[in-house]
Amino acid sequence: MSMLVIGAAAGVVGLLFIGYLATRPMRGCVCGRCRKSLTPELRCRLSAEHPNAWLEFRTGPMQGQKVLLTERQTRLGSVGSNTIVLSDPAVSQEHVCIERKAGSFYLRDLQSTNGVYVNAVRRRKVVLAADDTLTIGNSEMILRFA
């Protein structure tokens, strides 16, 4: 009899945990709406709706330009071997990498001297969301999705 009670209690706890997972806020959704308590299924559908992303430059040497993020990895720096070259003395040779994985975008600082700021906070690694503002050297850009 006691095994039956223990089994029933474990089943109830399991169902409660599954319910919690289905309703908790998701982080890192490319649509940026993940902070509004979307379920995992809705997150996946929204990620599939946003296959195209670009950086919209607001200040710096590329002001007014838009650069599509079509590669799995986009590297920003001050030398020609990067995907996006920023001619700015405050930008390291290899400054930052933006990587697309499973429908999300991950930013990683490549040990730059002046760092990278996401929404005015210095970050080394972060999952990006729509309309995040990135600051690299004297360049400010916004991550946008189609």
N, C-alpha and C. Protein backbone atom coordinates (compact mmCIF):
# COMPACT_ATOMS: atom_id res chain seq x y z
N MET A 1 0.81 -1.21 0.00
CA MET A 1 0.00 0.00 0.00
C MET A 1 0.86 1.27 0.00
N SER A 2 1.96 1.27 0.79
CA SER A 2 2.79 2.47 0.87
C SER A 2 3.51 2.73 -0.46
N MET A 3 3.84 1.69 -1.21
CA MET A 3 4.47 1.86 -2.52
C MET A 3 3.51 2.55 -3.48
N LEU A 4 2.23 2.24 -3.36
CA LEU A 4 1.22 2.85 -4.21
C LEU A 4 1.11 4.35 -3.93
N VAL A 5 1.16 4.72 -2.65
CA VAL A 5 1.09 6.12 -2.26
C VAL A 5 2.33 6.87 -2.75
N ILE A 6 3.50 6.26 -2.59
CA ILE A 6 4.75 6.89 -3.05
C ILE A 6 4.72 7.07 -4.56
N GLY A 7 4.26 6.07 -5.29
CA GLY A 7 4.16 6.16 -6.75
C GLY A 7 3.21 7.25 -7.19
N ALA A 8 2.07 7.38 -6.52
CA ALA A 8 1.09 8.42 -6.86
C ALA A 8 1.67 9.81 -6.57
N ALA A 9 2.38 9.95 -5.45
CA ALA A 9 2.98 11.23 -5.11
C ALA A 9 4.05 11.61 -6.13
N ALA A 10 4.84 10.65 -6.55
CA ALA A 10 5.86 10.93 -7.56
C ALA A 10 5.22 11.34 -8.89
N GLY A 11 4.11 10.74 -9.23
CA GLY A 11 3.40 11.10 -10.46
C GLY A 11 2.87 12.52 -10.41
N VAL A 12 2.33 12.92 -9.26
CA VAL A 12 1.80 14.28 -9.09
C VAL A 12 2.95 15.30 -9.19
N VAL A 13 4.07 15.01 -8.53
CA VAL A 13 5.22 15.91 -8.58
C VAL A 13 5.72 16.03 -10.02
N GLY A 14 5.77 14.92 -10.75
CA GLY A 14 6.21 14.95 -12.14
C GLY A 14 5.29 15.80 -13.00
N LEU A 15 3.99 15.68 -12.82
CA LEU A 15 3.04 16.49 -13.59
C LEU A 15 3.17 17.97 -13.26
N LEU A 16 3.37 18.29 -11.98
CA LEU A 16 3.56 19.69 -11.60
C LEU A 16 4.82 20.26 -12.24
N PHE A 17 5.89 19.48 -12.28
CA PHE A 17 7.14 19.95 -12.87
C PHE A 17 6.98 20.17 -14.37
N ILE A 18 6.30 19.27 -15.05
CA ILE A 18 6.06 19.43 -16.49
C ILE A 18 5.22 20.68 -16.74
N GLY A 19 4.23 20.93 -15.90
CA GLY A 19 3.42 22.14 -16.02
C GLY A 19 4.24 23.39 -15.83
N TYR A 20 5.17 23.34 -14.89
CA TYR A 20 6.06 24.48 -14.66
C TYR A 20 6.92 24.75 -15.88
N LEU A 21 7.51 23.71 -16.46
CA LEU A 21 8.37 23.87 -17.63
C LEU A 21 7.61 24.45 -18.82
N ALA A 22 6.35 24.09 -18.95
CA ALA A 22 5.57 24.54 -20.10
C ALA A 22 5.18 26.01 -20.01
N THR A 23 5.17 26.57 -18.79
CA THR A 23 4.70 27.95 -18.65
C THR A 23 5.78 28.93 -18.24
N ARG A 24 6.98 28.46 -17.93
CA ARG A 24 8.03 29.38 -17.49
C ARG A 24 8.53 30.23 -18.66
N PRO A 25 9.06 31.41 -18.37
CA PRO A 25 9.59 32.25 -19.45
C PRO A 25 10.79 31.60 -20.12
N MET A 26 10.86 31.73 -21.44
CA MET A 26 11.97 31.19 -22.20
C MET A 26 12.95 32.32 -22.47
N ARG A 27 14.25 32.04 -22.39
CA ARG A 27 15.26 33.05 -22.69
C ARG A 27 15.96 32.70 -23.98
N GLY A 28 16.32 33.73 -24.73
CA GLY A 28 17.11 33.52 -25.92
C GLY A 28 16.32 33.33 -27.19
N CYS A 29 15.01 33.50 -27.14
CA CYS A 29 14.21 33.39 -28.34
C CYS A 29 14.55 34.55 -29.27
N VAL A 30 14.77 34.26 -30.53
CA VAL A 30 15.22 35.29 -31.46
C VAL A 30 14.17 36.37 -31.69
N CYS A 31 12.92 36.10 -31.41
CA CYS A 31 11.90 37.12 -31.66
C CYS A 31 11.88 38.17 -30.56
N GLY A 32 12.54 37.90 -29.43
CA GLY A 32 12.57 38.86 -28.35
C GLY A 32 11.33 38.83 -27.48
N ARG A 33 10.34 38.03 -27.87
CA ARG A 33 9.13 37.94 -27.08
C ARG A 33 9.23 36.87 -26.00
N CYS A 34 10.39 36.22 -25.92
CA CYS A 34 10.58 35.14 -24.97
C CYS A 34 10.45 35.61 -23.53
N ARG A 35 10.62 36.87 -23.29
CA ARG A 35 10.54 37.40 -21.93
C ARG A 35 9.10 37.58 -21.48
N LYS A 36 8.16 37.18 -22.29
CA LYS A 36 6.75 37.34 -21.95
C LYS A 36 6.06 36.00 -21.74
N SER A 37 6.77 35.04 -21.15
CA SER A 37 6.23 33.75 -20.72
C SER A 37 5.62 32.93 -21.85
N LEU A 38 6.33 32.76 -22.94
CA LEU A 38 5.85 31.90 -24.01
C LEU A 38 6.21 30.45 -23.72
N THR A 39 5.40 29.54 -24.18
CA THR A 39 5.68 28.13 -23.98
C THR A 39 6.78 27.69 -24.95
N PRO A 40 7.47 26.56 -24.67
CA PRO A 40 8.53 26.10 -25.57
C PRO A 40 8.04 25.87 -27.00
N GLU A 41 6.81 25.37 -27.17
CA GLU A 41 6.30 25.11 -28.51
C GLU A 41 6.14 26.42 -29.29
N LEU A 42 5.63 27.46 -28.64
CA LEU A 42 5.44 28.74 -29.30
C LEU A 42 6.80 29.37 -29.60
N ARG A 43 7.77 29.20 -28.70
CA ARG A 43 9.12 29.73 -28.93
C ARG A 43 9.70 29.14 -30.21
N CYS A 44 9.58 27.82 -30.38
CA CYS A 44 10.14 27.18 -31.56
C CYS A 44 9.46 27.70 -32.83
N ARG A 45 8.15 27.88 -32.80
CA ARG A 45 7.44 28.36 -33.97
C ARG A 45 7.86 29.79 -34.30
N LEU A 46 8.01 30.64 -33.27
CA LEU A 46 8.43 32.02 -33.51
C LEU A 46 9.85 32.08 -34.04
N SER A 47 10.74 31.20 -33.57
CA SER A 47 12.12 31.18 -34.07
C SER A 47 12.14 30.82 -35.54
N ALA A 48 11.30 29.90 -35.95
CA ALA A 48 11.25 29.50 -37.35
C ALA A 48 10.72 30.63 -38.23
N GLU A 49 9.92 31.54 -37.63
CA GLU A 49 9.38 32.66 -38.40
C GLU A 49 10.42 33.75 -38.65
N HIS A 50 11.55 33.72 -37.95
CA HIS A 50 12.55 34.78 -38.04
C HIS A 50 13.88 34.24 -38.53
N PRO A 51 13.94 33.72 -39.78
CA PRO A 51 15.21 33.16 -40.25
C PRO A 51 16.24 34.23 -40.60
N ASN A 52 15.79 35.44 -40.91
CA ASN A 52 16.72 36.48 -41.33
C ASN A 52 16.95 37.49 -40.21
N ALA A 53 18.22 37.82 -40.03
CA ALA A 53 18.58 38.82 -39.03
C ALA A 53 19.62 39.74 -39.64
N TRP A 54 19.66 40.97 -39.14
CA TRP A 54 20.67 41.90 -39.62
C TRP A 54 21.05 42.86 -38.51
N LEU A 55 22.19 43.49 -38.69
CA LEU A 55 22.65 44.55 -37.80
C LEU A 55 22.40 45.88 -38.48
N GLU A 56 21.75 46.76 -37.77
CA GLU A 56 21.44 48.10 -38.28
C GLU A 56 22.34 49.08 -37.52
N PHE A 57 23.31 49.67 -38.21
CA PHE A 57 24.29 50.53 -37.58
C PHE A 57 23.72 51.93 -37.35
N ARG A 58 23.77 52.40 -36.10
CA ARG A 58 23.26 53.72 -35.75
C ARG A 58 24.36 54.77 -35.67
N THR A 59 25.56 54.37 -35.21
CA THR A 59 26.68 55.30 -35.12
C THR A 59 27.95 54.59 -35.58
N GLY A 60 29.00 55.36 -35.76
CA GLY A 60 30.29 54.78 -36.13
C GLY A 60 30.54 54.84 -37.62
N PRO A 61 31.62 54.18 -38.09
CA PRO A 61 32.01 54.27 -39.49
C PRO A 61 31.00 53.67 -40.47
N MET A 62 30.12 52.81 -40.00
CA MET A 62 29.12 52.19 -40.88
C MET A 62 27.72 52.73 -40.63
N GLN A 63 27.62 53.91 -40.05
CA GLN A 63 26.33 54.51 -39.71
C GLN A 63 25.37 54.50 -40.90
N GLY A 64 24.14 54.08 -40.65
CA GLY A 64 23.10 54.05 -41.68
C GLY A 64 23.08 52.78 -42.51
N GLN A 65 24.06 51.90 -42.35
CA GLN A 65 24.11 50.66 -43.13
C GLN A 65 23.44 49.52 -42.38
N LYS A 66 22.99 48.54 -43.16
CA LYS A 66 22.42 47.30 -42.62
C LYS A 66 23.22 46.15 -43.18
N VAL A 67 23.61 45.22 -42.29
CA VAL A 67 24.39 44.05 -42.71
C VAL A 67 23.62 42.80 -42.32
N LEU A 68 23.26 42.00 -43.33
CA LEU A 68 22.53 40.75 -43.10
C LEU A 68 23.44 39.72 -42.44
N LEU A 69 22.93 39.00 -41.45
CA LEU A 69 23.68 37.94 -40.78
C LEU A 69 23.29 36.61 -41.42
N THR A 70 23.96 36.26 -42.51
CA THR A 70 23.61 35.06 -43.25
C THR A 70 24.47 33.86 -42.89
N GLU A 71 25.64 34.11 -42.33
CA GLU A 71 26.57 33.03 -42.00
C GLU A 71 26.24 32.45 -40.63
N ARG A 72 26.75 31.24 -40.39
CA ARG A 72 26.58 30.63 -39.07
C ARG A 72 27.35 31.44 -38.03
N GLN A 73 28.49 31.99 -38.41
CA GLN A 73 29.28 32.85 -37.53
C GLN A 73 29.58 34.16 -38.25
N THR A 74 29.35 35.26 -37.56
CA THR A 74 29.69 36.58 -38.07
C THR A 74 30.68 37.18 -37.10
N ARG A 75 31.87 37.51 -37.62
CA ARG A 75 32.92 38.09 -36.78
C ARG A 75 33.07 39.57 -37.10
N LEU A 76 33.20 40.37 -36.06
CA LEU A 76 33.40 41.81 -36.21
C LEU A 76 34.76 42.17 -35.62
N GLY A 77 35.51 42.99 -36.34
CA GLY A 77 36.82 43.42 -35.88
C GLY A 77 37.39 44.47 -36.82
N SER A 78 38.65 44.82 -36.59
CA SER A 78 39.25 45.92 -37.36
C SER A 78 40.14 45.45 -38.50
N VAL A 79 40.28 44.14 -38.72
CA VAL A 79 41.12 43.64 -39.82
C VAL A 79 40.28 42.92 -40.86
N GLY A 80 40.85 42.78 -42.05
CA GLY A 80 40.13 42.24 -43.20
C GLY A 80 39.67 40.80 -43.11
N SER A 81 40.17 40.01 -42.15
CA SER A 81 39.77 38.61 -42.05
C SER A 81 38.40 38.43 -41.38
N ASN A 82 37.81 39.51 -40.87
CA ASN A 82 36.50 39.44 -40.22
C ASN A 82 35.38 39.55 -41.25
N THR A 83 34.19 39.09 -40.87
CA THR A 83 33.02 39.22 -41.74
C THR A 83 32.64 40.70 -41.89
N ILE A 84 32.65 41.43 -40.78
CA ILE A 84 32.36 42.86 -40.79
C ILE A 84 33.59 43.59 -40.25
N VAL A 85 34.16 44.47 -41.07
CA VAL A 85 35.36 45.20 -40.68
C VAL A 85 34.96 46.62 -40.27
N LEU A 86 35.31 46.99 -39.04
CA LEU A 86 35.02 48.31 -38.51
C LEU A 86 36.34 49.09 -38.42
N SER A 87 36.49 50.11 -39.24
CA SER A 87 37.72 50.91 -39.20
C SER A 87 37.59 51.92 -38.06
N ASP A 88 37.92 51.45 -36.88
CA ASP A 88 37.75 52.22 -35.66
C ASP A 88 38.90 51.87 -34.72
N PRO A 89 39.66 52.85 -34.22
CA PRO A 89 40.79 52.54 -33.34
C PRO A 89 40.38 51.90 -32.02
N ALA A 90 39.11 52.01 -31.63
CA ALA A 90 38.63 51.43 -30.37
C ALA A 90 38.19 49.97 -30.53
N VAL A 91 38.29 49.43 -31.76
CA VAL A 91 37.88 48.05 -32.04
C VAL A 91 39.12 47.18 -32.17
N SER A 92 39.12 46.04 -31.49
CA SER A 92 40.24 45.10 -31.57
C SER A 92 40.26 44.42 -32.93
N GLN A 93 41.40 43.80 -33.26
CA GLN A 93 41.51 43.12 -34.55
C GLN A 93 40.43 42.07 -34.70
N GLU A 94 40.23 41.25 -33.71
CA GLU A 94 39.12 40.28 -33.65
C GLU A 94 38.36 40.60 -32.38
N HIS A 95 37.24 41.27 -32.52
CA HIS A 95 36.56 41.86 -31.37
C HIS A 95 35.45 40.96 -30.82
N VAL A 96 34.52 40.56 -31.69
CA VAL A 96 33.34 39.83 -31.22
C VAL A 96 32.86 38.87 -32.30
N CYS A 97 32.18 37.80 -31.86
CA CYS A 97 31.60 36.82 -32.77
C CYS A 97 30.12 36.66 -32.44
N ILE A 98 29.28 36.70 -33.47
CA ILE A 98 27.85 36.43 -33.31
C ILE A 98 27.58 35.11 -34.01
N GLU A 99 27.07 34.14 -33.27
CA GLU A 99 26.88 32.80 -33.81
C GLU A 99 25.40 32.42 -33.77
N ARG A 100 24.92 31.86 -34.88
CA ARG A 100 23.54 31.38 -34.97
C ARG A 100 23.53 29.90 -34.65
N LYS A 101 22.76 29.52 -33.62
CA LYS A 101 22.63 28.11 -33.23
C LYS A 101 21.18 27.84 -32.87
N ALA A 102 20.60 26.87 -33.51
CA ALA A 102 19.24 26.41 -33.19
C ALA A 102 18.23 27.56 -33.13
N GLY A 103 18.32 28.48 -34.07
CA GLY A 103 17.35 29.57 -34.15
C GLY A 103 17.61 30.73 -33.22
N SER A 104 18.68 30.68 -32.43
CA SER A 104 19.04 31.78 -31.54
C SER A 104 20.39 32.35 -31.95
N PHE A 105 20.67 33.55 -31.47
CA PHE A 105 21.93 34.21 -31.76
C PHE A 105 22.71 34.42 -30.46
N TYR A 106 23.96 33.98 -30.48
CA TYR A 106 24.82 34.06 -29.31
C TYR A 106 25.97 35.01 -29.62
N LEU A 107 26.24 35.94 -28.71
CA LEU A 107 27.34 36.86 -28.86
C LEU A 107 28.46 36.42 -27.92
N ARG A 108 29.69 36.45 -28.43
CA ARG A 108 30.86 36.07 -27.63
C ARG A 108 31.97 37.08 -27.88
N ASP A 109 32.45 37.70 -26.80
CA ASP A 109 33.58 38.62 -26.88
C ASP A 109 34.84 37.80 -27.12
N LEU A 110 35.65 38.20 -28.08
CA LEU A 110 36.87 37.47 -28.43
C LEU A 110 38.08 38.06 -27.72
N GLN A 111 37.95 38.29 -26.42
CA GLN A 111 39.01 38.85 -25.57
C GLN A 111 39.47 40.22 -26.08
N SER A 112 38.50 41.03 -26.44
CA SER A 112 38.80 42.37 -26.93
C SER A 112 39.27 43.27 -25.79
N THR A 113 39.99 44.32 -26.16
CA THR A 113 40.51 45.25 -25.16
C THR A 113 39.40 46.08 -24.53
N ASN A 114 38.52 46.64 -25.35
CA ASN A 114 37.47 47.54 -24.84
C ASN A 114 36.14 46.86 -24.60
N GLY A 115 36.01 45.59 -24.91
CA GLY A 115 34.79 44.84 -24.63
C GLY A 115 33.64 45.15 -25.56
N VAL A 116 32.54 44.47 -25.31
CA VAL A 116 31.31 44.68 -26.07
C VAL A 116 30.18 44.90 -25.07
N TYR A 117 29.31 45.84 -25.40
CA TYR A 117 28.20 46.19 -24.52
C TYR A 117 26.89 45.81 -25.19
N VAL A 118 26.04 45.11 -24.46
CA VAL A 118 24.71 44.75 -24.94
C VAL A 118 23.72 45.47 -24.04
N ASN A 119 22.95 46.36 -24.63
CA ASN A 119 22.00 47.19 -23.87
C ASN A 119 22.71 47.90 -22.72
N ALA A 120 23.88 48.48 -23.00
CA ALA A 120 24.68 49.30 -22.09
C ALA A 120 25.31 48.51 -20.93
N VAL A 121 25.35 47.19 -21.02
CA VAL A 121 25.98 46.35 -20.00
C VAL A 121 27.11 45.56 -20.66
N ARG A 122 28.32 45.64 -20.11
CA ARG A 122 29.44 44.91 -20.70
C ARG A 122 29.21 43.42 -20.52
N ARG A 123 29.33 42.67 -21.63
CA ARG A 123 29.06 41.23 -21.62
C ARG A 123 30.19 40.50 -22.31
N ARG A 124 30.48 39.29 -21.83
CA ARG A 124 31.46 38.42 -22.49
C ARG A 124 30.74 37.39 -23.35
N LYS A 125 29.62 36.88 -22.85
CA LYS A 125 28.78 35.92 -23.58
C LYS A 125 27.33 36.23 -23.26
N VAL A 126 26.49 36.19 -24.28
CA VAL A 126 25.08 36.48 -24.04
C VAL A 126 24.25 35.95 -25.20
N VAL A 127 23.02 35.56 -24.91
CA VAL A 127 22.05 35.20 -25.95
C VAL A 127 21.34 36.49 -26.34
N LEU A 128 21.33 36.79 -27.62
CA LEU A 128 20.76 38.04 -28.10
C LEU A 128 19.27 37.90 -28.40
N ALA A 129 18.56 38.99 -28.25
CA ALA A 129 17.13 39.04 -28.57
C ALA A 129 16.91 40.18 -29.57
N ALA A 130 15.75 40.22 -30.15
CA ALA A 130 15.43 41.28 -31.11
C ALA A 130 15.54 42.64 -30.45
N ASP A 131 16.04 43.59 -31.20
CA ASP A 131 16.17 44.99 -30.78
C ASP A 131 17.20 45.20 -29.67
N ASP A 132 18.08 44.23 -29.44
CA ASP A 132 19.20 44.46 -28.53
C ASP A 132 20.14 45.47 -29.17
N THR A 133 20.68 46.37 -28.36
CA THR A 133 21.64 47.36 -28.84
C THR A 133 23.04 46.89 -28.48
N LEU A 134 23.89 46.77 -29.49
CA LEU A 134 25.28 46.35 -29.29
C LEU A 134 26.18 47.55 -29.49
N THR A 135 27.16 47.71 -28.61
CA THR A 135 28.13 48.78 -28.75
C THR A 135 29.52 48.17 -28.79
N ILE A 136 30.21 48.41 -29.91
CA ILE A 136 31.57 47.92 -30.12
C ILE A 136 32.40 49.11 -30.53
N GLY A 137 33.34 49.52 -29.68
CA GLY A 137 34.13 50.71 -29.97
C GLY A 137 33.21 51.91 -30.05
N ASN A 138 33.31 52.66 -31.16
CA ASN A 138 32.45 53.83 -31.37
C ASN A 138 31.22 53.50 -32.21
N SER A 139 30.98 52.22 -32.47
CA SER A 139 29.84 51.80 -33.29
C SER A 139 28.72 51.27 -32.41
N GLU A 140 27.53 51.76 -32.67
CA GLU A 140 26.34 51.25 -32.00
C GLU A 140 25.43 50.67 -33.07
N MET A 141 24.95 49.46 -32.82
CA MET A 141 24.09 48.78 -33.80
C MET A 141 22.95 48.09 -33.08
N ILE A 142 21.88 47.86 -33.82
CA ILE A 142 20.70 47.18 -33.27
C ILE A 142 20.51 45.89 -34.04
N LEU A 143 20.23 44.81 -33.31
CA LEU A 143 19.96 43.52 -33.94
C LEU A 143 18.48 43.49 -34.31
N ARG A 144 18.20 43.27 -35.58
CA ARG A 144 16.82 43.24 -36.09
C ARG A 144 16.53 41.89 -36.73
N PHE A 145 15.25 41.53 -36.75
CA PHE A 145 14.80 40.29 -37.39
C PHE A 145 13.70 40.60 -38.40
N ALA A 146 13.68 39.77 -39.45
CA ALA A 146 12.68 39.95 -40.52
C ALA A 146 11.32 39.54 -40.02
